[in-house]
């Protein structure tokens, strides 16, 4: 390996190591930034409009503050409330009975991006970038040792 090739490898190694460190440092703050833009929704299996009108009439007779009762007006709850990202605001129902509540009609083939998935991906990206950073540091150390040994052997041979 010539000195020019070793120098090029060292420059690439330094830049790669810096890039890996930058990704490792940016992944978790990026996940936090995305999670601040999330919306907590309750997935529902919707019912038809006639049944919603009947359920609303029954709710008006005996109003309660229970979110479960309000969700039951619009359909059957599917799981626990979850924080999701990048959903179409038109698909979210804000009931008149409790405007703070957000209901999301979820079809069988729809899977909105959840905040917990973003955090999991950010952790994996951080760990992978840290591993690449450590690998880059070890690689640079070996390149420097090799360059020093090549410089020492050429100096003795001359």
C-alpha atoms as a PDB file:
ATOM      1  CA  UNK A   1       0.000   0.000   0.000  1.00  0.00           C
ATOM      2  CA  UNK A   2       1.473   3.318  -1.015  1.00  0.00           C
ATOM      3  CA  UNK A   3       1.582   6.378   1.203  1.00  0.00           C
ATOM      4  CA  UNK A   4      -0.994   8.050  -1.046  1.00  0.00           C
ATOM      5  CA  UNK A   5      -3.455   5.173  -0.600  1.00  0.00           C
ATOM      6  CA  UNK A   6      -2.851   5.097   3.148  1.00  0.00           C
ATOM      7  CA  UNK A   7      -3.432   8.844   3.335  1.00  0.00           C
ATOM      8  CA  UNK A   8      -6.671   8.511   1.378  1.00  0.00           C
ATOM      9  CA  UNK A   9      -7.868   5.682   3.637  1.00  0.00           C
ATOM     10  CA  UNK A  10      -7.051   7.735   6.720  1.00  0.00           C
ATOM     11  CA  UNK A  11      -8.996  10.747   5.394  1.00  0.00           C
ATOM     12  CA  UNK A  12     -11.978   8.551   4.501  1.00  0.00           C
ATOM     13  CA  UNK A  13     -11.764   6.889   7.899  1.00  0.00           C
ATOM     14  CA  UNK A  14     -11.737  10.222   9.706  1.00  0.00           C
ATOM     15  CA  UNK A  15     -14.729  11.491   7.746  1.00  0.00           C
ATOM     16  CA  UNK A  16     -16.613   8.221   8.190  1.00  0.00           C
ATOM     17  CA  UNK A  17     -15.914   8.223  11.912  1.00  0.00           C
ATOM     18  CA  UNK A  18     -17.107  11.818  12.221  1.00  0.00           C
ATOM     19  CA  UNK A  19     -20.250  11.033  10.237  1.00  0.00           C
ATOM     20  CA  UNK A  20     -20.999   8.015  12.441  1.00  0.00           C
ATOM     21  CA  UNK A  21     -20.612  10.142  15.562  1.00  0.00           C
ATOM     22  CA  UNK A  22     -22.876  12.848  14.105  1.00  0.00           C
ATOM     23  CA  UNK A  23     -25.588  10.281  13.310  1.00  0.00           C
ATOM     24  CA  UNK A  24     -25.276   8.759  16.779  1.00  0.00           C
ATOM     25  CA  UNK A  25     -25.677  12.172  18.389  1.00  0.00           C
ATOM     26  CA  UNK A  26     -28.569  13.256  16.144  1.00  0.00           C
ATOM     27  CA  UNK A  27     -30.804  10.167  16.146  1.00  0.00           C
ATOM     28  CA  UNK A  28     -32.361  10.507  19.600  1.00  0.00           C
ATOM     29  CA  UNK A  29     -32.958  14.286  19.396  1.00  0.00           C
ATOM     30  CA  UNK A  30     -34.580  13.744  15.984  1.00  0.00           C
ATOM     31  CA  UNK A  31     -36.900  11.126  17.507  1.00  0.00           C
ATOM     32  CA  UNK A  32     -37.768  13.533  20.311  1.00  0.00           C
ATOM     33  CA  UNK A  33     -38.494  16.286  17.795  1.00  0.00           C
ATOM     34  CA  UNK A  34     -40.791  13.977  15.837  1.00  0.00           C
ATOM     35  CA  UNK A  35     -42.553  12.807  18.991  1.00  0.00           C
ATOM     36  CA  UNK A  36     -43.453  16.399  19.874  1.00  0.00           C
ATOM     37  CA  UNK A  37     -45.544  16.488  16.678  1.00  0.00           C
ATOM     38  CA  UNK A  38     -47.533  13.361  17.549  1.00  0.00           C
ATOM     39  CA  UNK A  39     -51.223  13.019  18.257  1.00  0.00           C
ATOM     40  CA  UNK A  40     -52.762  10.651  20.783  1.00  0.00           C
ATOM     41  CA  UNK A  41     -55.620   8.777  19.130  1.00  0.00           C
ATOM     42  CA  UNK A  42     -57.978   5.979  20.009  1.00  0.00           C
ATOM     43  CA  UNK A  43     -58.393   3.481  17.183  1.00  0.00           C
ATOM     44  CA  UNK A  44     -61.995   2.568  16.494  1.00  0.00           C
ATOM     45  CA  UNK A  45     -63.868   0.159  14.300  1.00  0.00           C
ATOM     46  CA  UNK A  46     -66.473   2.571  12.947  1.00  0.00           C
ATOM     47  CA  UNK A  47     -70.206   1.958  12.812  1.00  0.00           C
ATOM     48  CA  UNK A  48     -72.609   3.343  10.211  1.00  0.00           C
ATOM     49  CA  UNK A  49     -74.097   6.822  10.538  1.00  0.00           C
ATOM     50  CA  UNK A  50     -77.580   5.630  11.563  1.00  0.00           C
ATOM     51  CA  UNK A  51     -76.122   3.749  14.536  1.00  0.00           C
ATOM     52  CA  UNK A  52     -74.015   6.798  15.500  1.00  0.00           C
ATOM     53  CA  UNK A  53     -77.191   8.913  15.552  1.00  0.00           C
ATOM     54  CA  UNK A  54     -78.960   6.316  17.740  1.00  0.00           C
ATOM     55  CA  UNK A  55     -75.989   6.056  20.090  1.00  0.00           C
ATOM     56  CA  UNK A  56     -75.796   9.846  20.351  1.00  0.00           C
ATOM     57  CA  UNK A  57     -79.522   9.968  21.265  1.00  0.00           C
ATOM     58  CA  UNK A  58     -78.938   7.379  24.021  1.00  0.00           C
ATOM     59  CA  UNK A  59     -75.876   9.281  25.270  1.00  0.00           C
ATOM     60  CA  UNK A  60     -77.853  12.534  25.545  1.00  0.00           C
ATOM     61  CA  UNK A  61     -80.357  10.770  27.832  1.00  0.00           C
ATOM     62  CA  UNK A  62     -77.608   9.664  30.254  1.00  0.00           C
ATOM     63  CA  UNK A  63     -74.473  11.778  29.641  1.00  0.00           C
ATOM     64  CA  UNK A  64     -71.242  10.739  31.356  1.00  0.00           C
ATOM     65  CA  UNK A  65     -67.698  12.020  31.276  1.00  0.00           C
ATOM     66  CA  UNK A  66     -66.277   8.594  30.495  1.00  0.00           C
ATOM     67  CA  UNK A  67     -64.179   8.507  27.319  1.00  0.00           C
ATOM     68  CA  UNK A  68     -65.173   4.867  26.812  1.00  0.00           C
ATOM     69  CA  UNK A  69     -68.845   5.866  26.585  1.00  0.00           C
ATOM     70  CA  UNK A  70     -68.037   8.586  24.044  1.00  0.00           C
ATOM     71  CA  UNK A  71     -65.929   6.188  21.962  1.00  0.00           C
ATOM     72  CA  UNK A  72     -68.821   3.697  22.002  1.00  0.00           C
ATOM     73  CA  UNK A  73     -71.007   6.276  20.226  1.00  0.00           C
ATOM     74  CA  UNK A  74     -68.771   6.225  17.159  1.00  0.00           C
ATOM     75  CA  UNK A  75     -67.704   2.588  17.138  1.00  0.00           C
ATOM     76  CA  UNK A  76     -65.872  -0.108  19.017  1.00  0.00           C
ATOM     77  CA  UNK A  77     -62.541   0.794  20.593  1.00  0.00           C
ATOM     78  CA  UNK A  78     -59.629  -1.176  19.215  1.00  0.00           C
ATOM     79  CA  UNK A  79     -56.785  -1.389  21.738  1.00  0.00           C
ATOM     80  CA  UNK A  80     -55.408   1.362  23.929  1.00  0.00           C
ATOM     81  CA  UNK A  81     -54.874   5.013  22.913  1.00  0.00           C
ATOM     82  CA  UNK A  82     -51.577   5.456  21.040  1.00  0.00           C
ATOM     83  CA  UNK A  83     -49.403   8.323  19.876  1.00  0.00           C
ATOM     84  CA  UNK A  84     -49.134   8.414  16.083  1.00  0.00           C
ATOM     85  CA  UNK A  85     -47.353  10.545  13.492  1.00  0.00           C
ATOM     86  CA  UNK A  86     -48.136  11.682   9.965  1.00  0.00           C
ATOM     87  CA  UNK A  87     -51.854  10.978   9.915  1.00  0.00           C
ATOM     88  CA  UNK A  88     -54.386  12.711   7.716  1.00  0.00           C
ATOM     89  CA  UNK A  89     -56.278  15.215   9.896  1.00  0.00           C
ATOM     90  CA  UNK A  90     -59.427  14.527   7.871  1.00  0.00           C
ATOM     91  CA  UNK A  91     -59.470  10.930   9.092  1.00  0.00           C
ATOM     92  CA  UNK A  92     -59.504  11.949  12.763  1.00  0.00           C
ATOM     93  CA  UNK A  93     -62.868  12.352  14.479  1.00  0.00           C
ATOM     94  CA  UNK A  94     -63.117  14.888  17.316  1.00  0.00           C
ATOM     95  CA  UNK A  95     -66.444  14.090  19.015  1.00  0.00           C
ATOM     96  CA  UNK A  96     -68.714  16.981  19.918  1.00  0.00           C
ATOM     97  CA  UNK A  97     -69.178  15.376  23.348  1.00  0.00           C
ATOM     98  CA  UNK A  98     -65.435  15.745  24.145  1.00  0.00           C
ATOM     99  CA  UNK A  99     -63.380  17.735  21.668  1.00  0.00           C
ATOM    100  CA  UNK A 100     -60.117  16.720  23.388  1.00  0.00           C
ATOM    101  CA  UNK A 101     -60.680  13.113  22.350  1.00  0.00           C
ATOM    102  CA  UNK A 102     -59.307  12.004  18.966  1.00  0.00           C
ATOM    103  CA  UNK A 103     -60.723   8.914  17.284  1.00  0.00           C
ATOM    104  CA  UNK A 104     -59.092   7.317  14.269  1.00  0.00           C
ATOM    105  CA  UNK A 105     -60.850   4.923  11.934  1.00  0.00           C
ATOM    106  CA  UNK A 106     -58.370   2.155  11.294  1.00  0.00           C
ATOM    107  CA  UNK A 107     -58.818  -0.182   8.388  1.00  0.00           C
ATOM    108  CA  UNK A 108     -57.364  -3.667   8.195  1.00  0.00           C
ATOM    109  CA  UNK A 109     -54.500  -2.562   5.944  1.00  0.00           C
ATOM    110  CA  UNK A 110     -53.762   0.766   7.667  1.00  0.00           C
ATOM    111  CA  UNK A 111     -50.895   0.992  10.127  1.00  0.00           C
ATOM    112  CA  UNK A 112     -50.050   4.584  11.123  1.00  0.00           C
ATOM    113  CA  UNK A 113     -46.512   5.307  12.270  1.00  0.00           C
ATOM    114  CA  UNK A 114     -46.385   5.139  16.052  1.00  0.00           C
ATOM    115  CA  UNK A 115     -44.073   7.181  18.250  1.00  0.00           C
ATOM    116  CA  UNK A 116     -42.814   4.038  19.989  1.00  0.00           C
ATOM    117  CA  UNK A 117     -41.640   2.739  16.600  1.00  0.00           C
ATOM    118  CA  UNK A 118     -39.718   5.964  15.965  1.00  0.00           C
ATOM    119  CA  UNK A 119     -38.001   5.668  19.358  1.00  0.00           C
ATOM    120  CA  UNK A 120     -37.096   2.036  18.707  1.00  0.00           C
ATOM    121  CA  UNK A 121     -35.621   2.905  15.321  1.00  0.00           C
ATOM    122  CA  UNK A 122     -33.704   5.829  16.845  1.00  0.00           C
ATOM    123  CA  UNK A 123     -32.154   3.521  19.453  1.00  0.00           C
ATOM    124  CA  UNK A 124     -31.070   1.028  16.806  1.00  0.00           C
ATOM    125  CA  UNK A 125     -29.638   3.800  14.607  1.00  0.00           C
ATOM    126  CA  UNK A 126     -27.749   5.225  17.590  1.00  0.00           C
ATOM    127  CA  UNK A 127     -26.297   1.834  18.524  1.00  0.00           C
ATOM    128  CA  UNK A 128     -25.338   1.094  14.917  1.00  0.00           C
ATOM    129  CA  UNK A 129     -23.712   4.497  14.491  1.00  0.00           C
ATOM    130  CA  UNK A 130     -21.789   4.091  17.739  1.00  0.00           C
ATOM    131  CA  UNK A 131     -20.579   0.682  16.570  1.00  0.00           C
ATOM    132  CA  UNK A 132     -19.473   2.225  13.262  1.00  0.00           C
ATOM    133  CA  UNK A 133     -17.709   4.999  15.207  1.00  0.00           C
ATOM    134  CA  UNK A 134     -15.788   2.495  17.342  1.00  0.00           C
ATOM    135  CA  UNK A 135     -14.975   0.385  14.270  1.00  0.00           C
ATOM    136  CA  UNK A 136     -13.716   3.524  12.518  1.00  0.00           C
ATOM    137  CA  UNK A 137     -11.498   4.455  15.474  1.00  0.00           C
ATOM    138  CA  UNK A 138     -10.001   0.954  15.560  1.00  0.00           C
ATOM    139  CA  UNK A 139      -9.477   1.046  11.787  1.00  0.00           C
ATOM    140  CA  UNK A 140      -7.737   4.428  12.007  1.00  0.00           C
ATOM    141  CA  UNK A 141      -5.515   3.128  14.786  1.00  0.00           C
ATOM    142  CA  UNK A 142      -4.475   0.155  12.630  1.00  0.00           C
ATOM    143  CA  UNK A 143      -3.844   2.418   9.617  1.00  0.00           C
ATOM    144  CA  UNK A 144      -1.646   4.721  11.660  1.00  0.00           C
ATOM    145  CA  UNK A 145       0.320   1.795  13.075  1.00  0.00           C
ATOM    146  CA  UNK A 146       0.808   0.376   9.602  1.00  0.00           C
ATOM    147  CA  UNK A 147       1.859   3.748   8.185  1.00  0.00           C
ATOM    148  CA  UNK A 148       4.331   4.197  11.055  1.00  0.00           C
ATOM    149  CA  UNK A 149       5.769   0.712  10.529  1.00  0.00           C
ATOM    150  CA  UNK A 150       6.076   1.311   6.769  1.00  0.00           C
ATOM    151  CA  UNK A 151       7.793   4.645   7.391  1.00  0.00           C
ATOM    152  CA  UNK A 152      10.179   2.983   9.869  1.00  0.00           C
ATOM    153  CA  UNK A 153      11.029   0.111   7.495  1.00  0.00           C
ATOM    154  CA  UNK A 154      11.758   2.435   4.585  1.00  0.00           C
ATOM    155  CA  UNK A 155      13.938   4.628   6.780  1.00  0.00           C
ATOM    156  CA  UNK A 156      16.040   1.609   7.885  1.00  0.00           C
ATOM    157  CA  UNK A 157      16.319   0.246   4.353  1.00  0.00           C
ATOM    158  CA  UNK A 158      17.703   3.492   2.947  1.00  0.00           C
END
